[in-house]
Amino acid sequence: MATLVTVIPGSVIASTQLARLVCPGVGTLVLPWWPSEVEHSEWAPEYAETPRPGRTMVQTRSSDPLPQLRLAFTLRTTNPSESIDEQLTLVRRLAAAKPVVQLLLGPSDRGRWRIREAGAVESDWADDGTASIADVSLTLRRESDAAIPVGPIRKKPKRKK
């Protein structure tokens, strides 16, 4: 069952149609508006030139960078006198969490990401002195699918001479 979030006075939109960051054990941040900016980077692999005597240099792939994604969005409520402190606290908790977050834009799953940088610029304040409007920026790096070998390290038997 989808959670309902009031976005515009008098209208209700299912949270499955909105942008969400989901982190198991920490919480789910449902954005009342779509991100104002989504920037992609780190798409191209890096190459290194290896010299070969008497022949032209050969280019070898030195690394496959993980893609980065930068999201910019505004946190606010329909009433400018209401605080968004709860949402900002959740953004801080998501940024400090070690587990990966899942980025969902509407019904589309954009995969698993790690939050590398997070920041907010507060531009208006509620009646109680806390922020009521903030521009938030998150930089995410795709979670690697590489399996890290774990387990006991086997010793090589010593050779007898």
C-alpha atoms as a PDB file:
ATOM      1  CA  MET A   1       0.000   0.000   0.000  1.00  0.00           C
ATOM      2  CA  ALA A   2       1.442   3.370  -1.016  1.00  0.00           C
ATOM      3  CA  THR A   3       1.850   6.177   1.469  1.00  0.00           C
ATOM      4  CA  LEU A   4      -0.016   9.317   0.504  1.00  0.00           C
ATOM      5  CA  VAL A   5       1.684  12.693   0.554  1.00  0.00           C
ATOM      6  CA  THR A   6      -0.163  15.988   0.170  1.00  0.00           C
ATOM      7  CA  VAL A   7       1.685  18.113  -2.373  1.00  0.00           C
ATOM      8  CA  ILE A   8      -0.722  20.835  -3.488  1.00  0.00           C
ATOM      9  CA  PRO A   9      -3.570  21.924  -1.226  1.00  0.00           C
ATOM     10  CA  GLY A  10      -6.569  19.765  -2.043  1.00  0.00           C
ATOM     11  CA  SER A  11      -4.691  17.171  -4.143  1.00  0.00           C
ATOM     12  CA  VAL A  12      -3.110  13.917  -3.028  1.00  0.00           C
ATOM     13  CA  ILE A  13      -0.458  11.986  -4.977  1.00  0.00           C
ATOM     14  CA  ALA A  14       0.679   8.434  -4.209  1.00  0.00           C
ATOM     15  CA  SER A  15       4.306   8.312  -3.047  1.00  0.00           C
ATOM     16  CA  THR A  16       5.060   5.706  -5.741  1.00  0.00           C
ATOM     17  CA  GLN A  17       4.726   8.539  -8.286  1.00  0.00           C
ATOM     18  CA  LEU A  18       7.254  10.766  -6.505  1.00  0.00           C
ATOM     19  CA  ALA A  19      11.037  10.758  -6.166  1.00  0.00           C
ATOM     20  CA  ARG A  20      12.274   8.753  -3.164  1.00  0.00           C
ATOM     21  CA  LEU A  21      15.532   7.780  -1.473  1.00  0.00           C
ATOM     22  CA  VAL A  22      15.124   4.515   0.448  1.00  0.00           C
ATOM     23  CA  CYS A  23      17.647   3.268   3.004  1.00  0.00           C
ATOM     24  CA  PRO A  24      16.679   0.118   4.948  1.00  0.00           C
ATOM     25  CA  GLY A  25      16.912   0.675   8.681  1.00  0.00           C
ATOM     26  CA  VAL A  26      17.309   4.461   8.347  1.00  0.00           C
ATOM     27  CA  GLY A  27      14.204   5.705   6.559  1.00  0.00           C
ATOM     28  CA  THR A  28      12.640   6.833   3.305  1.00  0.00           C
ATOM     29  CA  LEU A  29      12.886  10.407   2.082  1.00  0.00           C
ATOM     30  CA  VAL A  30       9.900  11.218  -0.158  1.00  0.00           C
ATOM     31  CA  LEU A  31      10.440  14.395  -2.151  1.00  0.00           C
ATOM     32  CA  PRO A  32       7.234  16.409  -2.547  1.00  0.00           C
ATOM     33  CA  TRP A  33       8.566  17.747  -5.870  1.00  0.00           C
ATOM     34  CA  TRP A  34      10.743  16.235  -8.586  1.00  0.00           C
ATOM     35  CA  PRO A  35      14.441  17.156  -8.393  1.00  0.00           C
ATOM     36  CA  SER A  36      15.071  20.502 -10.092  1.00  0.00           C
ATOM     37  CA  GLU A  37      18.391  19.237 -11.409  1.00  0.00           C
ATOM     38  CA  VAL A  38      19.841  15.778 -12.145  1.00  0.00           C
ATOM     39  CA  GLU A  39      23.459  15.835 -13.322  1.00  0.00           C
ATOM     40  CA  HIS A  40      25.296  12.712 -14.541  1.00  0.00           C
ATOM     41  CA  SER A  41      29.100  12.357 -14.610  1.00  0.00           C
ATOM     42  CA  GLU A  42      31.975   9.844 -14.598  1.00  0.00           C
ATOM     43  CA  TRP A  43      30.718   7.912 -17.625  1.00  0.00           C
ATOM     44  CA  ALA A  44      33.951   7.462 -19.576  1.00  0.00           C
ATOM     45  CA  PRO A  45      36.657   4.991 -18.542  1.00  0.00           C
ATOM     46  CA  GLU A  46      40.225   6.169 -18.005  1.00  0.00           C
ATOM     47  CA  TYR A  47      43.064   4.993 -20.228  1.00  0.00           C
ATOM     48  CA  ALA A  48      46.814   4.849 -19.667  1.00  0.00           C
ATOM     49  CA  GLU A  49      49.417   4.868 -22.420  1.00  0.00           C
ATOM     50  CA  THR A  50      51.988   2.102 -22.176  1.00  0.00           C
ATOM     51  CA  PRO A  51      55.249   2.653 -24.066  1.00  0.00           C
ATOM     52  CA  ARG A  52      56.493  -0.119 -26.351  1.00  0.00           C
ATOM     53  CA  PRO A  53      60.063   0.062 -27.680  1.00  0.00           C
ATOM     54  CA  GLY A  54      60.157   0.562 -31.433  1.00  0.00           C
ATOM     55  CA  ARG A  55      56.364   0.720 -31.776  1.00  0.00           C
ATOM     56  CA  THR A  56      53.563   3.135 -31.070  1.00  0.00           C
ATOM     57  CA  MET A  57      52.214   3.439 -27.548  1.00  0.00           C
ATOM     58  CA  VAL A  58      49.306   1.206 -26.643  1.00  0.00           C
ATOM     59  CA  GLN A  59      46.340   2.465 -24.655  1.00  0.00           C
ATOM     60  CA  THR A  60      45.157   0.195 -21.869  1.00  0.00           C
ATOM     61  CA  ARG A  61      42.081   0.702 -19.740  1.00  0.00           C
ATOM     62  CA  SER A  62      43.307   1.747 -16.305  1.00  0.00           C
ATOM     63  CA  SER A  63      39.994   2.045 -14.514  1.00  0.00           C
ATOM     64  CA  ASP A  64      36.262   1.864 -14.914  1.00  0.00           C
ATOM     65  CA  PRO A  65      34.904   4.733 -12.817  1.00  0.00           C
ATOM     66  CA  LEU A  66      31.579   4.330 -11.102  1.00  0.00           C
ATOM     67  CA  PRO A  67      28.960   6.779 -12.410  1.00  0.00           C
ATOM     68  CA  GLN A  68      28.060   9.772 -10.269  1.00  0.00           C
ATOM     69  CA  LEU A  69      24.718  11.491  -9.988  1.00  0.00           C
ATOM     70  CA  ARG A  70      24.023  14.923  -8.517  1.00  0.00           C
ATOM     71  CA  LEU A  71      20.483  15.703  -7.359  1.00  0.00           C
ATOM     72  CA  ALA A  72      19.287  19.192  -6.496  1.00  0.00           C
ATOM     73  CA  PHE A  73      15.858  19.704  -5.000  1.00  0.00           C
ATOM     74  CA  THR A  74      13.904  22.063  -2.767  1.00  0.00           C
ATOM     75  CA  LEU A  75      12.466  20.898   0.538  1.00  0.00           C
ATOM     76  CA  ARG A  76       9.423  22.899   1.570  1.00  0.00           C
ATOM     77  CA  THR A  77       5.840  22.525   2.702  1.00  0.00           C
ATOM     78  CA  THR A  78       2.720  24.165   1.314  1.00  0.00           C
ATOM     79  CA  ASN A  79       2.647  26.462   4.355  1.00  0.00           C
ATOM     80  CA  PRO A  80       5.849  28.564   4.670  1.00  0.00           C
ATOM     81  CA  SER A  81       5.353  28.886   8.437  1.00  0.00           C
ATOM     82  CA  GLU A  82       5.783  25.085   8.914  1.00  0.00           C
ATOM     83  CA  SER A  83       9.191  23.588   9.689  1.00  0.00           C
ATOM     84  CA  ILE A  84      11.064  21.104   7.457  1.00  0.00           C
ATOM     85  CA  ASP A  85      13.463  20.197  10.265  1.00  0.00           C
ATOM     86  CA  GLU A  86      12.265  16.569  10.252  1.00  0.00           C
ATOM     87  CA  GLN A  87      13.076  16.161   6.529  1.00  0.00           C
ATOM     88  CA  LEU A  88      16.491  17.844   6.923  1.00  0.00           C
ATOM     89  CA  THR A  89      17.290  15.512   9.829  1.00  0.00           C
ATOM     90  CA  LEU A  90      16.385  12.530   7.638  1.00  0.00           C
ATOM     91  CA  VAL A  91      18.677  13.829   4.857  1.00  0.00           C
ATOM     92  CA  ARG A  92      21.503  14.102   7.433  1.00  0.00           C
ATOM     93  CA  ARG A  93      20.810  10.560   8.689  1.00  0.00           C
ATOM     94  CA  LEU A  94      20.779   9.173   5.128  1.00  0.00           C
ATOM     95  CA  ALA A  95      24.073  10.953   4.351  1.00  0.00           C
ATOM     96  CA  ALA A  96      25.725   9.619   7.511  1.00  0.00           C
ATOM     97  CA  ALA A  97      24.481   6.042   7.010  1.00  0.00           C
ATOM     98  CA  LYS A  98      26.920   3.446   5.742  1.00  0.00           C
ATOM     99  CA  PRO A  99      24.340   1.331   3.890  1.00  0.00           C
ATOM    100  CA  VAL A 100      23.523   2.167   0.309  1.00  0.00           C
ATOM    101  CA  VAL A 101      20.380   4.046  -0.669  1.00  0.00           C
ATOM    102  CA  GLN A 102      17.999   3.095  -3.439  1.00  0.00           C
ATOM    103  CA  LEU A 103      16.971   5.939  -5.759  1.00  0.00           C
ATOM    104  CA  LEU A 104      13.429   5.704  -7.115  1.00  0.00           C
ATOM    105  CA  LEU A 105      12.130   8.341  -9.520  1.00  0.00           C
ATOM    106  CA  GLY A 106       8.429   7.597  -9.818  1.00  0.00           C
ATOM    107  CA  PRO A 107       7.976   3.934 -10.740  1.00  0.00           C
ATOM    108  CA  SER A 108      11.533   3.851 -12.184  1.00  0.00           C
ATOM    109  CA  ASP A 109      14.281   2.264 -10.065  1.00  0.00           C
ATOM    110  CA  ARG A 110      17.596   4.062 -10.719  1.00  0.00           C
ATOM    111  CA  GLY A 111      19.655   1.558  -8.716  1.00  0.00           C
ATOM    112  CA  ARG A 112      21.719   1.495  -5.546  1.00  0.00           C
ATOM    113  CA  TRP A 113      23.931   4.452  -4.668  1.00  0.00           C
ATOM    114  CA  ARG A 114      26.169   5.748  -1.879  1.00  0.00           C
ATOM    115  CA  ILE A 115      25.798   9.363  -0.776  1.00  0.00           C
ATOM    116  CA  ARG A 116      29.204  11.025  -1.181  1.00  0.00           C
ATOM    117  CA  GLU A 117      28.288  14.641  -0.422  1.00  0.00           C
ATOM    118  CA  ALA A 118      25.220  16.326   0.999  1.00  0.00           C
ATOM    119  CA  GLY A 119      24.485  19.962   1.662  1.00  0.00           C
ATOM    120  CA  ALA A 120      21.595  22.348   2.192  1.00  0.00           C
ATOM    121  CA  VAL A 121      21.067  26.085   1.883  1.00  0.00           C
ATOM    122  CA  GLU A 122      18.266  27.339   4.135  1.00  0.00           C
ATOM    123  CA  SER A 123      16.440  30.267   2.552  1.00  0.00           C
ATOM    124  CA  ASP A 124      13.380  30.806   4.772  1.00  0.00           C
ATOM    125  CA  TRP A 125      12.455  30.080   8.370  1.00  0.00           C
ATOM    126  CA  ALA A 126       9.321  28.915  10.155  1.00  0.00           C
ATOM    127  CA  ASP A 127       7.632  30.606  13.099  1.00  0.00           C
ATOM    128  CA  ASP A 128       9.685  28.516  15.563  1.00  0.00           C
ATOM    129  CA  GLY A 129      13.023  29.603  14.013  1.00  0.00           C
ATOM    130  CA  THR A 130      13.785  26.355  12.159  1.00  0.00           C
ATOM    131  CA  ALA A 131      14.127  26.111   8.381  1.00  0.00           C
ATOM    132  CA  SER A 132      10.946  26.097   6.301  1.00  0.00           C
ATOM    133  CA  ILE A 133      12.552  26.158   2.816  1.00  0.00           C
ATOM    134  CA  ALA A 134      15.924  24.638   1.914  1.00  0.00           C
ATOM    135  CA  ASP A 135      17.703  23.877  -1.346  1.00  0.00           C
ATOM    136  CA  VAL A 136      19.352  20.461  -0.926  1.00  0.00           C
ATOM    137  CA  SER A 137      22.131  19.014  -3.049  1.00  0.00           C
ATOM    138  CA  LEU A 138      23.195  15.349  -2.953  1.00  0.00           C
ATOM    139  CA  THR A 139      26.075  13.736  -4.837  1.00  0.00           C
ATOM    140  CA  LEU A 140      25.629   9.987  -5.256  1.00  0.00           C
ATOM    141  CA  ARG A 141      28.110   7.391  -6.562  1.00  0.00           C
ATOM    142  CA  ARG A 142      26.793   4.113  -7.954  1.00  0.00           C
ATOM    143  CA  GLU A 143      27.295   1.141  -5.657  1.00  0.00           C
ATOM    144  CA  SER A 144      29.835  -1.307  -7.053  1.00  0.00           C
ATOM    145  CA  ASP A 145      28.655  -4.783  -7.996  1.00  0.00           C
ATOM    146  CA  ALA A 146      32.141  -6.165  -7.427  1.00  0.00           C
ATOM    147  CA  ALA A 147      32.303  -9.042  -4.959  1.00  0.00           C
ATOM    148  CA  ILE A 148      35.049  -8.600  -2.408  1.00  0.00           C
ATOM    149  CA  PRO A 149      36.786 -11.897  -1.664  1.00  0.00           C
ATOM    150  CA  VAL A 150      36.497 -12.664   2.029  1.00  0.00           C
ATOM    151  CA  GLY A 151      37.411 -15.647   4.104  1.00  0.00           C
ATOM    152  CA  PRO A 152      40.497 -17.289   5.526  1.00  0.00           C
ATOM    153  CA  ILE A 153      43.804 -16.702   3.770  1.00  0.00           C
ATOM    154  CA  ARG A 154      45.376 -19.989   2.790  1.00  0.00           C
ATOM    155  CA  LYS A 155      49.053 -20.381   3.451  1.00  0.00           C
ATOM    156  CA  LYS A 156      51.216 -21.840   0.743  1.00  0.00           C
ATOM    157  CA  PRO A 157      53.115 -24.908   1.912  1.00  0.00           C
ATOM    158  CA  LYS A 158      56.844 -24.386   2.267  1.00  0.00           C
ATOM    159  CA  ARG A 159      58.970 -26.293  -0.175  1.00  0.00           C
ATOM    160  CA  LYS A 160      61.687 -28.463   1.221  1.00  0.00           C
ATOM    161  CA  LYS A 161      65.007 -28.453  -0.594  1.00  0.00           C
END
